[in-house]
Protein backbone atom coordinates (compact mmCIF):
# COMPACT_ATOMS: atom_id res chain seq x y z
CA MET A 1 -25.94 3.89 -20.34
CA SER A 2 -22.76 3.44 -22.35
CA THR A 3 -19.42 2.59 -20.76
CA THR A 4 -16.07 3.61 -22.17
CA ILE A 5 -13.59 0.75 -21.98
CA PRO A 6 -9.89 1.74 -21.99
CA VAL A 7 -8.03 0.27 -24.91
CA ALA A 8 -4.70 -1.48 -24.93
CA PRO A 9 -1.68 0.33 -26.36
CA THR A 10 -1.27 0.03 -30.08
CA ALA A 11 1.83 0.70 -32.07
CA PRO A 12 1.57 4.04 -33.84
CA ALA A 13 2.39 4.25 -37.50
CA GLY A 14 5.63 6.07 -36.73
CA GLY A 15 7.21 3.43 -34.49
CA ALA A 16 7.02 0.47 -32.15
CA VAL A 17 5.41 0.29 -28.76
CA THR A 18 7.84 1.67 -26.18
CA LEU A 19 7.82 1.76 -22.39
CA PRO A 20 6.83 5.47 -22.26
CA ARG A 21 3.88 4.75 -24.57
CA THR A 22 2.90 1.74 -22.48
CA ILE A 23 3.08 3.88 -19.34
CA SER A 24 0.83 6.44 -21.02
CA SER A 25 -1.65 3.68 -21.87
CA GLU A 26 -1.68 2.37 -18.29
CA TRP A 27 -2.31 5.89 -16.98
CA ILE A 28 -5.25 6.25 -19.35
CA LYS A 29 -6.65 2.90 -18.16
CA PHE A 30 -6.36 3.96 -14.54
CA ARG A 31 -7.90 7.41 -14.75
CA THR A 32 -10.78 6.37 -17.02
CA LEU A 33 -11.99 3.59 -14.70
CA TRP A 34 -14.22 5.15 -12.05
CA SER A 35 -13.65 2.19 -9.72
CA SER A 36 -9.90 2.88 -9.63
CA VAL A 37 -10.46 6.55 -8.85
CA LEU A 38 -13.04 5.60 -6.21
CA VAL A 39 -10.76 3.18 -4.37
CA ALA A 40 -7.88 5.66 -4.50
CA THR A 41 -10.19 8.31 -3.04
CA ILE A 42 -11.27 5.91 -0.29
CA SER A 43 -7.64 5.34 0.67
CA VAL A 44 -7.11 9.10 1.11
CA VAL A 45 -10.42 9.99 2.75
CA GLY A 46 -10.42 6.86 4.91
CA MET A 47 -6.95 7.49 6.30
CA ILE A 48 -7.60 11.15 7.05
CA GLY A 49 -11.11 10.53 8.36
CA VAL A 50 -10.18 7.77 10.79
CA GLY A 51 -7.18 9.74 12.07
CA TRP A 52 -9.11 12.96 12.56
CA VAL A 53 -12.18 11.35 14.12
CA GLY A 54 -10.02 9.31 16.49
CA SER A 55 -8.05 12.39 17.49
CA PHE A 56 -11.20 14.45 18.06
CA PHE A 57 -12.85 11.90 20.32
CA THR A 58 -9.64 11.14 22.19
CA ASN A 59 -9.31 14.81 23.09
CA ALA A 60 -13.01 15.13 23.94
CA ASP A 61 -12.98 12.04 26.16
CA TRP A 62 -9.58 12.65 27.75
CA ALA A 63 -10.92 13.30 31.26
CA HIS A 64 -12.80 9.99 31.22
CA MET A 65 -10.04 7.78 29.85
CA ARG A 66 -8.82 4.91 31.98
CA PRO A 67 -5.25 4.90 33.31
CA ARG A 68 -4.37 1.98 31.04
CA GLU A 69 -5.59 3.94 28.01
CA LEU A 70 -3.64 7.03 29.08
CA ALA A 71 -0.48 4.95 29.52
CA ARG A 72 -0.80 3.57 26.00
CA PHE A 73 -1.70 6.92 24.40
CA ASP A 74 0.50 7.95 21.48
CA PRO A 75 -0.53 11.15 19.65
CA VAL A 76 1.26 10.07 16.47
CA VAL A 77 -0.44 6.68 16.34
CA THR A 78 -3.80 8.26 17.13
CA SER A 79 -3.62 10.64 14.16
CA LEU A 80 -2.19 8.06 11.73
CA ASN A 81 -4.32 5.10 12.76
CA GLY A 82 -6.27 5.37 9.53
CA TYR A 83 -3.33 3.94 7.60
CA THR A 84 -4.93 0.50 8.04
CA VAL A 85 -7.89 1.64 5.92
CA ALA A 86 -5.50 2.99 3.30
CA GLU A 87 -3.53 -0.27 3.40
CA LEU A 88 -6.63 -2.29 2.54
CA ALA A 89 -7.64 0.10 -0.25
CA VAL A 90 -4.18 0.49 -1.79
CA GLY A 91 -3.39 -3.23 -1.66
CA THR A 92 -6.75 -4.16 -3.19
CA LEU A 93 -6.39 -1.57 -5.94
CA GLY A 94 -2.90 -2.83 -6.79
CA VAL A 95 -4.24 -6.36 -7.26
CA LEU A 96 -7.22 -5.12 -9.29
CA LEU A 97 -5.07 -3.15 -11.72
CA VAL A 98 -3.66 -6.47 -12.93
CA THR A 99 -6.43 -8.99 -12.35
CA GLY A 100 -9.12 -6.72 -13.76
CA GLU A 101 -7.67 -7.21 -17.22
CA TYR A 102 -7.59 -10.99 -16.77
CA SER A 103 -11.21 -11.13 -15.63
CA THR A 104 -12.43 -9.13 -18.64
CA GLY A 105 -10.15 -10.79 -21.16
CA MET A 106 -8.59 -7.43 -22.03
CA ILE A 107 -5.17 -8.83 -21.12
CA ARG A 108 -5.09 -10.62 -24.49
CA ALA A 109 -5.34 -7.34 -26.37
CA THR A 110 -2.75 -5.76 -24.08
CA MET A 111 -0.23 -8.56 -24.57
CA ALA A 112 -0.90 -8.66 -28.32
CA ALA A 113 -0.06 -4.96 -28.48
CA VAL A 114 3.02 -5.41 -26.25
CA PRO A 115 4.44 -8.83 -27.20
CA ALA A 116 7.45 -8.41 -24.91
CA ARG A 117 4.98 -8.55 -21.98
CA LEU A 118 7.35 -7.24 -19.32
CA PRO A 119 6.86 -3.57 -20.30
CA VAL A 120 3.20 -4.01 -19.32
CA LEU A 121 4.19 -5.04 -15.79
CA TRP A 122 6.82 -2.29 -15.53
CA ALA A 123 4.32 0.30 -16.74
CA LYS A 124 1.70 -0.78 -14.20
CA LEU A 125 4.31 -0.67 -11.44
CA ILE A 126 5.61 2.76 -12.43
CA VAL A 127 2.15 4.31 -12.75
CA PHE A 128 0.77 2.85 -9.53
CA THR A 129 3.93 3.33 -7.44
CA CYS A 130 4.20 6.98 -8.44
CA LEU A 131 0.49 7.56 -7.92
CA THR A 132 0.48 5.87 -4.51
CA ALA A 133 3.54 7.79 -3.32
CA VAL A 134 2.08 11.10 -4.53
CA LEU A 135 -1.19 10.36 -2.71
CA MET A 136 -0.07 8.60 0.47
CA VAL A 137 2.92 10.66 1.60
CA PRO A 138 0.97 13.97 1.57
CA THR A 139 -2.06 12.18 3.04
CA SER A 140 0.12 11.01 5.91
CA PHE A 141 1.15 14.60 6.62
CA VAL A 142 -2.43 15.90 6.36
CA SER A 143 -3.70 13.15 8.66
CA PHE A 144 -0.98 13.87 11.21
CA LEU A 145 -1.22 17.66 11.20
CA GLY A 146 -5.02 17.67 11.33
CA GLY A 147 -5.02 15.04 14.03
CA GLN A 148 -2.60 17.00 16.19
CA ALA A 149 -4.75 20.12 15.86
CA LEU A 150 -7.75 18.12 17.05
CA LEU A 151 -5.80 16.62 19.96
CA GLY A 152 -5.30 20.10 21.41
CA THR A 153 -2.96 20.13 24.40
CA HIS A 154 -2.28 16.41 24.04
CA SER A 155 -0.59 16.80 20.68
CA THR A 156 2.99 16.60 19.50
CA SER A 157 4.86 18.15 16.56
CA LEU A 158 6.93 17.10 13.57
CA SER A 159 10.04 18.40 15.32
CA ALA A 160 9.67 15.92 18.18
CA PRO A 161 12.14 12.99 18.07
CA GLY A 162 11.09 10.27 15.64
CA VAL A 163 7.83 11.92 14.56
CA LEU A 164 8.87 13.09 11.08
CA ARG A 165 10.32 9.65 10.40
CA VAL A 166 7.03 7.95 11.31
CA VAL A 167 4.96 10.29 9.14
CA VAL A 168 7.19 9.79 6.10
CA ALA A 169 7.55 6.05 6.72
CA THR A 170 3.76 5.63 6.81
CA GLY A 171 3.52 6.96 3.26
CA VAL A 172 6.45 4.79 2.15
CA TYR A 173 4.92 1.69 3.75
CA LEU A 174 1.62 2.23 1.95
CA THR A 175 3.45 2.74 -1.35
CA LEU A 176 5.22 -0.60 -0.92
CA VAL A 177 1.89 -2.27 -0.10
CA GLY A 178 0.73 -1.04 -3.51
CA VAL A 179 3.80 -2.59 -5.16
CA LEU A 180 3.04 -5.89 -3.44
CA GLY A 181 -0.55 -5.64 -4.67
CA ILE A 182 0.61 -5.35 -8.29
CA ALA A 183 3.03 -8.26 -7.81
CA PHE A 184 0.44 -10.54 -6.19
CA GLY A 185 -2.08 -9.66 -8.88
CA ALA A 186 0.40 -10.70 -11.56
CA LEU A 187 1.32 -13.86 -9.64
CA VAL A 188 -2.21 -15.11 -8.97
CA ARG A 189 -4.10 -13.50 -11.92
CA ASN A 190 -7.37 -13.79 -10.03
CA THR A 191 -8.92 -10.94 -8.04
CA ALA A 192 -10.21 -12.90 -5.04
CA GLY A 193 -7.11 -15.07 -4.89
CA GLY A 194 -4.73 -12.14 -5.24
CA ILE A 195 -6.41 -10.11 -2.50
CA ALA A 196 -6.58 -13.15 -0.21
CA ALA A 197 -2.91 -13.95 -0.79
CA LEU A 198 -1.79 -10.36 -0.24
CA PHE A 199 -3.63 -9.82 3.01
CA GLY A 200 -2.94 -13.36 4.12
CA VAL A 201 0.76 -12.43 4.03
CA LEU A 202 0.30 -8.97 5.55
CA LEU A 203 -2.39 -9.62 8.18
CA VAL A 204 -2.95 -13.35 8.75
CA LEU A 205 0.66 -14.56 8.77
CA PRO A 206 1.68 -12.35 11.74
CA ALA A 207 -1.35 -13.64 13.67
CA ILE A 208 -0.33 -17.24 12.97
CA VAL A 209 3.25 -16.61 14.09
CA GLY A 210 1.85 -14.89 17.19
CA VAL A 211 0.54 -18.18 18.55
CA LEU A 212 3.90 -19.94 18.21
CA PRO A 213 6.32 -20.27 21.15
CA SER A 214 7.97 -17.00 22.12
CA SER A 215 11.39 -18.16 20.91
CA TRP A 216 9.93 -18.68 17.43
CA GLN A 217 8.14 -15.34 17.56
CA ASP A 218 11.39 -13.54 18.43
CA THR A 219 13.24 -15.30 15.61
CA ILE A 220 10.66 -15.18 12.82
CA GLY A 221 8.33 -12.32 13.78
CA PRO A 222 10.59 -9.30 13.05
CA TYR A 223 11.26 -10.53 9.51
CA LEU A 224 7.65 -11.02 8.44
CA PRO A 225 6.76 -8.51 5.70
CA ALA A 226 4.21 -6.44 7.64
CA ASN A 227 6.17 -6.54 10.91
CA ALA A 228 9.35 -5.44 9.15
CA GLY A 229 7.66 -2.53 7.38
CA GLN A 230 5.73 -1.39 10.43
CA ALA A 231 8.90 -1.27 12.53
CA ALA A 232 9.33 2.28 11.20
CA LEU A 233 5.79 3.31 12.17
CA SER A 234 6.50 3.77 15.87
CA VAL A 235 8.17 6.79 17.46
CA ILE A 236 9.77 4.59 20.10
CA PRO A 237 11.15 1.52 18.28
CA ASP A 238 10.18 -1.88 19.66
CA PRO A 239 13.34 -3.59 21.03
CA ALA A 240 12.06 -6.89 19.61
CA ALA A 241 11.61 -5.42 16.12
CA LEU A 242 14.13 -4.48 13.45
CA ALA A 243 15.57 -0.98 13.36
CA PRO A 244 13.05 1.36 11.69
CA TRP A 245 14.64 1.85 8.27
CA THR A 246 16.21 -1.62 8.31
CA GLY A 247 12.73 -3.05 8.65
CA MET A 248 11.46 -0.86 5.81
CA ALA A 249 14.36 -2.07 3.65
CA VAL A 250 13.41 -5.68 4.39
CA PHE A 251 9.80 -4.93 3.45
CA ALA A 252 11.00 -3.32 0.21
CA ALA A 253 13.09 -6.44 -0.49
CA TYR A 254 9.95 -8.59 -0.21
CA ALA A 255 8.23 -6.31 -2.73
CA VAL A 256 11.17 -6.57 -5.13
CA ILE A 257 11.33 -10.37 -4.83
CA ALA A 258 7.58 -10.73 -5.44
CA THR A 259 7.88 -8.45 -8.48
CA VAL A 260 10.80 -10.43 -9.92
CA VAL A 261 8.92 -13.72 -9.50
CA ALA A 262 5.85 -12.17 -11.14
CA ALA A 263 7.99 -10.97 -14.06
CA VAL A 264 9.53 -14.41 -14.58
CA LEU A 265 6.12 -16.11 -14.54
CA LEU A 266 4.66 -13.49 -16.86
CA ARG A 267 7.22 -14.41 -19.50
CA ARG A 268 6.69 -18.16 -19.10
CA ARG A 269 2.91 -18.44 -18.76
CA ASP A 270 0.29 -18.36 -21.45
CA VAL A 271 -2.00 -15.35 -21.26
């Protein structure tokens, strides 16, 4: 069985390699690799599936739920709970879009075709950020609306206070996770290491801070990347967390810093 391998951008006879042409090349690479399409599909189907299944069984089991479960019930969280699956898929795919070329050696051809190097990183960021936003924001709405329909009389609506903000912020958060994935892939240049570093920062670091004294948790915890971004994913903001969009701005700042560091190292390192 033959496999078509995407090729690096080459300068056409009529001119030099430009950012738009590099973007076009990166889009071709993405859509012709079945693994990229598969992981992107998993992020969409996983988020919707987990949200809808959770909503269905919550409604079906409502009469048998314990008082503690009823007290903690949040219809928005129930329908959007699948964002954790999407987070894993989107972050992993972001890392793979960079490290995949290093593991196959294709990065040499890419950098030979684009000697300036930085346009390659910008093109990957533009393609994946746009793709993730286009996928995840609508997926967030589909997951929410379908989940509320399955929750029946226990549902809420987009017009309820804070709900629209949470639905939109979920898509934005996942988009920024994708940006971090690209940045960590460029920083580490190894698939296993990049994925471990990314989710170490997003998932493990908050757990480590959680075992520190409460004074440390209150000081450090709100500013951790994941905690800051997820401050916008709750209808009723946590008093101990940052304000919803302030937290998202802090999370975006982490993504920008990681990208800048990756860009600097890309210029200084050998391929």
